[in-house]
Amino acid sequence: MFQRDYILRMIEMMGDLARRVAELMEQLEYLHQLDDASRLHCGLPLNALESLSADSLKDMLGPESRLYASELLYLRAVEGRAVWEERQDFLLKSLRLLASLEEESILCEIRAPRMKELKAECLPMLTGEDFLACARFYEEAELYDEMEDALFQAVEGTAEASERALRVRLGCGMLEKASRAGEKALTLCGMTAQELMDAAQDLRRMGVEGK
């Protein structure tokens, strides 16, 4: 009754179905593990991390929990079946939570590669405030080259005149302070004291010219 081709097609179809079910189960287990970790380290279910804004999470969570939340949202974003819109939202929240830990110098140094990755991924969505937060994070990590880039982006991303002027002043202060860093820190970031002073002048000029 059954022809060979029909049976082969049926086997192939059932194999595809089995793989899809297996993938679904793997995803559910993956999400279940993330949820367990979220409840343990953040005191919130994973869907709360997904749905609440970064500002709400920052208000609710202490520094350690914010770090875990940033990591979990990153893992949620890179899960292979996350839809693009969700992925971008999770990455942006991950960046904002990580950037909120800007006063933790060791953390900033260790997690600087992650911040670079998140900043690159989220670049079109970042606001002037986000860029300024990234700059402060990089300052604490003594990555003054990355700090310089973020400061210029913070000013460029700010349209309101008084806020723009404030960020120029803050940025110039950060660059001038960095120019007085030790030789080792400057060498590691590939900048000289004079280059940082020149950057401060360029940033000040950008504020005056409005460009």
C-alpha atoms as a PDB file:
ATOM      1  CA  MET A   1       0.000   0.000   0.000  1.00  0.00           C
ATOM      2  CA  PHE A   2       2.744   2.455   0.948  1.00  0.00           C
ATOM      3  CA  GLN A   3       5.324   3.429  -1.604  1.00  0.00           C
ATOM      4  CA  ARG A   4       8.994   3.804  -0.718  1.00  0.00           C
ATOM      5  CA  ASP A   5       9.078   7.534  -1.434  1.00  0.00           C
ATOM      6  CA  TYR A   6       6.018   8.107   0.719  1.00  0.00           C
ATOM      7  CA  ILE A   7       7.580   6.257   3.670  1.00  0.00           C
ATOM      8  CA  LEU A   8      10.851   8.134   3.297  1.00  0.00           C
ATOM      9  CA  ARG A   9       8.997  11.446   3.226  1.00  0.00           C
ATOM     10  CA  MET A  10       7.011  10.424   6.311  1.00  0.00           C
ATOM     11  CA  ILE A  11      10.195   9.447   8.181  1.00  0.00           C
ATOM     12  CA  GLU A  12      11.807  12.745   7.217  1.00  0.00           C
ATOM     13  CA  MET A  13       8.739  14.681   8.323  1.00  0.00           C
ATOM     14  CA  MET A  14       8.590  12.887  11.678  1.00  0.00           C
ATOM     15  CA  GLY A  15      12.319  13.442  12.147  1.00  0.00           C
ATOM     16  CA  ASP A  16      11.819  17.152  11.594  1.00  0.00           C
ATOM     17  CA  LEU A  17       8.964  17.148  14.091  1.00  0.00           C
ATOM     18  CA  ALA A  18      11.049  15.295  16.658  1.00  0.00           C
ATOM     19  CA  ARG A  19      13.892  17.800  16.271  1.00  0.00           C
ATOM     20  CA  ARG A  20      11.501  20.716  16.693  1.00  0.00           C
ATOM     21  CA  VAL A  21      10.069  19.162  19.856  1.00  0.00           C
ATOM     22  CA  ALA A  22      13.568  18.479  21.180  1.00  0.00           C
ATOM     23  CA  GLU A  23      14.573  22.072  20.494  1.00  0.00           C
ATOM     24  CA  LEU A  24      11.455  23.313  22.268  1.00  0.00           C
ATOM     25  CA  MET A  25      12.213  21.188  25.301  1.00  0.00           C
ATOM     26  CA  GLU A  26      15.785  22.440  25.351  1.00  0.00           C
ATOM     27  CA  GLN A  27      14.545  26.030  25.207  1.00  0.00           C
ATOM     28  CA  LEU A  28      12.042  25.449  28.004  1.00  0.00           C
ATOM     29  CA  GLU A  29      14.751  23.891  30.158  1.00  0.00           C
ATOM     30  CA  TYR A  30      17.088  26.786  29.341  1.00  0.00           C
ATOM     31  CA  LEU A  31      14.441  29.332  30.329  1.00  0.00           C
ATOM     32  CA  HIS A  32      13.578  27.323  33.425  1.00  0.00           C
ATOM     33  CA  GLN A  33      17.203  27.461  34.541  1.00  0.00           C
ATOM     34  CA  LEU A  34      17.360  31.208  33.926  1.00  0.00           C
ATOM     35  CA  ASP A  35      14.152  31.657  35.905  1.00  0.00           C
ATOM     36  CA  ASP A  36      15.557  29.669  38.841  1.00  0.00           C
ATOM     37  CA  ALA A  37      18.705  31.795  38.809  1.00  0.00           C
ATOM     38  CA  SER A  38      16.658  35.004  38.611  1.00  0.00           C
ATOM     39  CA  ARG A  39      14.556  34.036  41.619  1.00  0.00           C
ATOM     40  CA  LEU A  40      17.655  33.015  43.568  1.00  0.00           C
ATOM     41  CA  HIS A  41      19.883  36.006  42.805  1.00  0.00           C
ATOM     42  CA  CYS A  42      17.398  38.788  42.065  1.00  0.00           C
ATOM     43  CA  GLY A  43      14.343  37.774  44.064  1.00  0.00           C
ATOM     44  CA  LEU A  44      12.242  38.141  40.914  1.00  0.00           C
ATOM     45  CA  PRO A  45      11.029  35.701  38.262  1.00  0.00           C
ATOM     46  CA  LEU A  46      12.637  35.929  34.854  1.00  0.00           C
ATOM     47  CA  ASN A  47       9.498  37.385  33.283  1.00  0.00           C
ATOM     48  CA  ALA A  48       9.760  40.333  35.695  1.00  0.00           C
ATOM     49  CA  LEU A  49      13.283  41.067  34.439  1.00  0.00           C
ATOM     50  CA  GLU A  50      11.939  40.843  30.902  1.00  0.00           C
ATOM     51  CA  SER A  51       8.926  43.091  31.410  1.00  0.00           C
ATOM     52  CA  LEU A  52      10.058  45.762  33.896  1.00  0.00           C
ATOM     53  CA  SER A  53      11.972  48.807  32.688  1.00  0.00           C
ATOM     54  CA  ALA A  54      15.656  49.249  33.447  1.00  0.00           C
ATOM     55  CA  ASP A  55      14.821  52.212  35.711  1.00  0.00           C
ATOM     56  CA  SER A  56      12.337  50.113  37.694  1.00  0.00           C
ATOM     57  CA  LEU A  57      14.861  47.309  38.073  1.00  0.00           C
ATOM     58  CA  LYS A  58      17.545  49.751  39.195  1.00  0.00           C
ATOM     59  CA  ASP A  59      15.174  51.089  41.876  1.00  0.00           C
ATOM     60  CA  MET A  60      14.210  47.602  43.059  1.00  0.00           C
ATOM     61  CA  LEU A  61      17.556  45.805  43.013  1.00  0.00           C
ATOM     62  CA  GLY A  62      20.780  46.266  44.919  1.00  0.00           C
ATOM     63  CA  PRO A  63      24.163  46.254  43.159  1.00  0.00           C
ATOM     64  CA  GLU A  64      24.733  42.496  43.335  1.00  0.00           C
ATOM     65  CA  SER A  65      21.222  41.730  42.100  1.00  0.00           C
ATOM     66  CA  ARG A  66      21.583  44.288  39.283  1.00  0.00           C
ATOM     67  CA  LEU A  67      24.734  42.533  38.114  1.00  0.00           C
ATOM     68  CA  TYR A  68      22.946  39.189  38.078  1.00  0.00           C
ATOM     69  CA  ALA A  69      19.969  40.748  36.295  1.00  0.00           C
ATOM     70  CA  SER A  70      22.267  42.198  33.631  1.00  0.00           C
ATOM     71  CA  GLU A  71      23.890  38.803  33.100  1.00  0.00           C
ATOM     72  CA  LEU A  72      20.563  36.943  32.959  1.00  0.00           C
ATOM     73  CA  LEU A  73      19.073  39.395  30.471  1.00  0.00           C
ATOM     74  CA  TYR A  74      22.165  38.989  28.308  1.00  0.00           C
ATOM     75  CA  LEU A  75      21.785  35.201  28.409  1.00  0.00           C
ATOM     76  CA  ARG A  76      18.110  35.571  27.591  1.00  0.00           C
ATOM     77  CA  ALA A  77      18.965  37.779  24.616  1.00  0.00           C
ATOM     78  CA  VAL A  78      21.533  35.424  23.119  1.00  0.00           C
ATOM     79  CA  GLU A  79      19.268  32.390  23.447  1.00  0.00           C
ATOM     80  CA  GLY A  80      18.977  31.240  19.855  1.00  0.00           C
ATOM     81  CA  ARG A  81      15.222  31.540  19.496  1.00  0.00           C
ATOM     82  CA  ALA A  82      14.749  35.007  21.015  1.00  0.00           C
ATOM     83  CA  VAL A  83      12.915  37.245  18.547  1.00  0.00           C
ATOM     84  CA  TRP A  84      14.813  40.305  17.325  1.00  0.00           C
ATOM     85  CA  GLU A  85      12.706  42.921  19.126  1.00  0.00           C
ATOM     86  CA  GLU A  86      12.950  41.087  22.445  1.00  0.00           C
ATOM     87  CA  ARG A  87      16.649  40.495  21.955  1.00  0.00           C
ATOM     88  CA  GLN A  88      17.350  44.195  21.475  1.00  0.00           C
ATOM     89  CA  ASP A  89      15.243  45.144  24.483  1.00  0.00           C
ATOM     90  CA  PHE A  90      16.998  42.601  26.711  1.00  0.00           C
ATOM     91  CA  LEU A  91      20.450  43.746  25.561  1.00  0.00           C
ATOM     92  CA  LEU A  92      19.600  47.401  26.181  1.00  0.00           C
ATOM     93  CA  LYS A  93      18.362  46.649  29.704  1.00  0.00           C
ATOM     94  CA  SER A  94      21.448  44.530  30.296  1.00  0.00           C
ATOM     95  CA  LEU A  95      23.648  47.481  29.306  1.00  0.00           C
ATOM     96  CA  ARG A  96      21.754  49.950  31.481  1.00  0.00           C
ATOM     97  CA  LEU A  97      21.905  47.700  34.524  1.00  0.00           C
ATOM     98  CA  LEU A  98      25.604  47.053  34.012  1.00  0.00           C
ATOM     99  CA  ALA A  99      26.293  50.760  33.509  1.00  0.00           C
ATOM    100  CA  SER A 100      24.507  51.528  36.782  1.00  0.00           C
ATOM    101  CA  LEU A 101      27.397  49.793  38.557  1.00  0.00           C
ATOM    102  CA  GLU A 102      29.799  52.490  37.408  1.00  0.00           C
ATOM    103  CA  GLU A 103      31.280  53.023  40.883  1.00  0.00           C
ATOM    104  CA  GLU A 104      32.548  49.444  41.147  1.00  0.00           C
ATOM    105  CA  SER A 105      36.070  49.779  39.732  1.00  0.00           C
ATOM    106  CA  ILE A 106      37.000  46.080  39.760  1.00  0.00           C
ATOM    107  CA  LEU A 107      33.687  45.122  38.192  1.00  0.00           C
ATOM    108  CA  CYS A 108      34.092  47.815  35.529  1.00  0.00           C
ATOM    109  CA  GLU A 109      37.552  46.528  34.684  1.00  0.00           C
ATOM    110  CA  ILE A 110      36.466  42.891  34.493  1.00  0.00           C
ATOM    111  CA  ARG A 111      33.186  43.534  32.684  1.00  0.00           C
ATOM    112  CA  ALA A 112      34.527  46.141  30.233  1.00  0.00           C
ATOM    113  CA  PRO A 113      34.560  43.624  27.331  1.00  0.00           C
ATOM    114  CA  ARG A 114      30.870  42.912  27.937  1.00  0.00           C
ATOM    115  CA  MET A 115      30.127  46.638  28.019  1.00  0.00           C
ATOM    116  CA  LYS A 116      31.906  47.064  24.674  1.00  0.00           C
ATOM    117  CA  GLU A 117      29.834  44.259  23.191  1.00  0.00           C
ATOM    118  CA  LEU A 118      26.557  45.623  24.550  1.00  0.00           C
ATOM    119  CA  LYS A 119      27.341  49.171  23.444  1.00  0.00           C
ATOM    120  CA  ALA A 120      28.110  48.007  19.910  1.00  0.00           C
ATOM    121  CA  GLU A 121      24.932  45.918  19.765  1.00  0.00           C
ATOM    122  CA  CYS A 122      22.694  48.672  21.147  1.00  0.00           C
ATOM    123  CA  LEU A 123      24.334  51.670  19.457  1.00  0.00           C
ATOM    124  CA  PRO A 124      21.285  52.905  17.460  1.00  0.00           C
ATOM    125  CA  MET A 125      19.079  52.777  20.575  1.00  0.00           C
ATOM    126  CA  LEU A 126      21.379  54.568  23.023  1.00  0.00           C
ATOM    127  CA  THR A 127      20.508  57.999  24.366  1.00  0.00           C
ATOM    128  CA  GLY A 128      22.869  60.731  25.457  1.00  0.00           C
ATOM    129  CA  GLU A 129      22.339  59.605  29.046  1.00  0.00           C
ATOM    130  CA  ASP A 130      23.256  56.031  28.091  1.00  0.00           C
ATOM    131  CA  PHE A 131      26.480  57.178  26.438  1.00  0.00           C
ATOM    132  CA  LEU A 132      27.361  59.247  29.505  1.00  0.00           C
ATOM    133  CA  ALA A 133      26.755  56.233  31.746  1.00  0.00           C
ATOM    134  CA  CYS A 134      29.032  54.166  29.490  1.00  0.00           C
ATOM    135  CA  ALA A 135      31.690  56.872  29.702  1.00  0.00           C
ATOM    136  CA  ARG A 136      31.576  56.788  33.505  1.00  0.00           C
ATOM    137  CA  PHE A 137      31.841  52.989  33.425  1.00  0.00           C
ATOM    138  CA  TYR A 138      34.907  53.177  31.181  1.00  0.00           C
ATOM    139  CA  GLU A 139      36.422  55.905  33.349  1.00  0.00           C
ATOM    140  CA  GLU A 140      36.236  53.598  36.355  1.00  0.00           C
ATOM    141  CA  ALA A 141      37.837  50.835  34.252  1.00  0.00           C
ATOM    142  CA  GLU A 142      40.587  53.290  33.175  1.00  0.00           C
ATOM    143  CA  LEU A 143      39.731  52.699  29.522  1.00  0.00           C
ATOM    144  CA  TYR A 144      40.108  56.328  28.604  1.00  0.00           C
ATOM    145  CA  ASP A 145      40.008  55.732  24.855  1.00  0.00           C
ATOM    146  CA  GLU A 146      36.554  54.139  25.173  1.00  0.00           C
ATOM    147  CA  MET A 147      35.547  56.866  27.624  1.00  0.00           C
ATOM    148  CA  GLU A 148      36.516  59.542  25.111  1.00  0.00           C
ATOM    149  CA  ASP A 149      34.394  57.975  22.358  1.00  0.00           C
ATOM    150  CA  ALA A 150      31.383  57.655  24.664  1.00  0.00           C
ATOM    151  CA  LEU A 151      31.679  61.255  25.838  1.00  0.00           C
ATOM    152  CA  PHE A 152      31.583  62.619  22.297  1.00  0.00           C
ATOM    153  CA  GLN A 153      28.615  60.352  21.549  1.00  0.00           C
ATOM    154  CA  ALA A 154      26.876  61.620  24.695  1.00  0.00           C
ATOM    155  CA  VAL A 155      27.170  65.208  23.514  1.00  0.00           C
ATOM    156  CA  GLU A 156      26.194  64.354  19.954  1.00  0.00           C
ATOM    157  CA  GLY A 157      23.146  62.488  21.275  1.00  0.00           C
ATOM    158  CA  THR A 158      21.898  65.445  23.316  1.00  0.00           C
ATOM    159  CA  ALA A 159      19.744  68.045  21.550  1.00  0.00           C
ATOM    160  CA  GLU A 160      18.633  70.205  24.499  1.00  0.00           C
ATOM    161  CA  ALA A 161      21.090  73.100  24.876  1.00  0.00           C
ATOM    162  CA  SER A 162      21.424  73.269  28.665  1.00  0.00           C
ATOM    163  CA  GLU A 163      21.788  69.504  28.998  1.00  0.00           C
ATOM    164  CA  ARG A 164      24.313  69.475  26.180  1.00  0.00           C
ATOM    165  CA  ALA A 165      26.347  72.197  27.908  1.00  0.00           C
ATOM    166  CA  LEU A 166      26.258  70.246  31.173  1.00  0.00           C
ATOM    167  CA  ARG A 167      27.549  67.123  29.457  1.00  0.00           C
ATOM    168  CA  VAL A 168      30.320  69.085  27.770  1.00  0.00           C
ATOM    169  CA  ARG A 169      31.441  70.369  31.186  1.00  0.00           C
ATOM    170  CA  LEU A 170      31.261  66.912  32.725  1.00  0.00           C
ATOM    171  CA  GLY A 171      33.082  65.371  29.781  1.00  0.00           C
ATOM    172  CA  CYS A 172      35.859  67.937  29.791  1.00  0.00           C
ATOM    173  CA  GLY A 173      36.337  67.391  33.504  1.00  0.00           C
ATOM    174  CA  MET A 174      36.577  63.631  33.009  1.00  0.00           C
ATOM    175  CA  LEU A 175      39.053  63.970  30.153  1.00  0.00           C
ATOM    176  CA  GLU A 176      41.240  66.448  32.059  1.00  0.00           C
ATOM    177  CA  LYS A 177      41.196  64.178  35.118  1.00  0.00           C
ATOM    178  CA  ALA A 178      42.165  61.215  32.939  1.00  0.00           C
ATOM    179  CA  SER A 179      45.096  63.178  31.523  1.00  0.00           C
ATOM    180  CA  ARG A 180      46.585  63.136  35.033  1.00  0.00           C
ATOM    181  CA  ALA A 181      46.363  59.341  35.316  1.00  0.00           C
ATOM    182  CA  GLY A 182      49.480  57.282  35.820  1.00  0.00           C
ATOM    183  CA  GLU A 183      51.732  56.354  32.933  1.00  0.00           C
ATOM    184  CA  LYS A 184      50.742  52.694  33.122  1.00  0.00           C
ATOM    185  CA  ALA A 185      47.013  53.428  32.803  1.00  0.00           C
ATOM    186  CA  LEU A 186      47.601  55.768  29.864  1.00  0.00           C
ATOM    187  CA  THR A 187      49.840  53.257  28.132  1.00  0.00           C
ATOM    188  CA  LEU A 188      47.292  50.474  28.537  1.00  0.00           C
ATOM    189  CA  CYS A 189      44.534  52.528  26.945  1.00  0.00           C
ATOM    190  CA  GLY A 190      46.815  53.736  24.159  1.00  0.00           C
ATOM    191  CA  MET A 191      46.466  57.457  24.868  1.00  0.00           C
ATOM    192  CA  THR A 192      48.738  60.214  26.062  1.00  0.00           C
ATOM    193  CA  ALA A 193      47.983  63.013  28.489  1.00  0.00           C
ATOM    194  CA  GLN A 194      48.188  65.508  25.634  1.00  0.00           C
ATOM    195  CA  GLU A 195      45.717  63.554  23.507  1.00  0.00           C
ATOM    196  CA  LEU A 196      43.216  63.594  26.355  1.00  0.00           C
ATOM    197  CA  MET A 197      43.694  67.342  26.861  1.00  0.00           C
ATOM    198  CA  ASP A 198      43.226  67.863  23.121  1.00  0.00           C
ATOM    199  CA  ALA A 199      40.039  65.777  23.280  1.00  0.00           C
ATOM    200  CA  ALA A 200      38.750  68.025  26.055  1.00  0.00           C
ATOM    201  CA  GLN A 201      39.365  71.055  23.835  1.00  0.00           C
ATOM    202  CA  ASP A 202      37.562  69.385  20.932  1.00  0.00           C
ATOM    203  CA  LEU A 203      34.619  68.526  23.159  1.00  0.00           C
ATOM    204  CA  ARG A 204      34.455  72.088  24.462  1.00  0.00           C
ATOM    205  CA  ARG A 205      34.543  73.351  20.887  1.00  0.00           C
ATOM    206  CA  MET A 206      31.732  70.973  19.960  1.00  0.00           C
ATOM    207  CA  GLY A 207      29.632  72.462  22.733  1.00  0.00           C
ATOM    208  CA  VAL A 208      30.256  76.002  21.504  1.00  0.00           C
ATOM    209  CA  GLU A 209      29.603  75.179  17.854  1.00  0.00           C
ATOM    210  CA  GLY A 210      26.612  72.967  18.636  1.00  0.00           C
ATOM    211  CA  LYS A 211      27.929  70.185  16.374  1.00  0.00           C
END
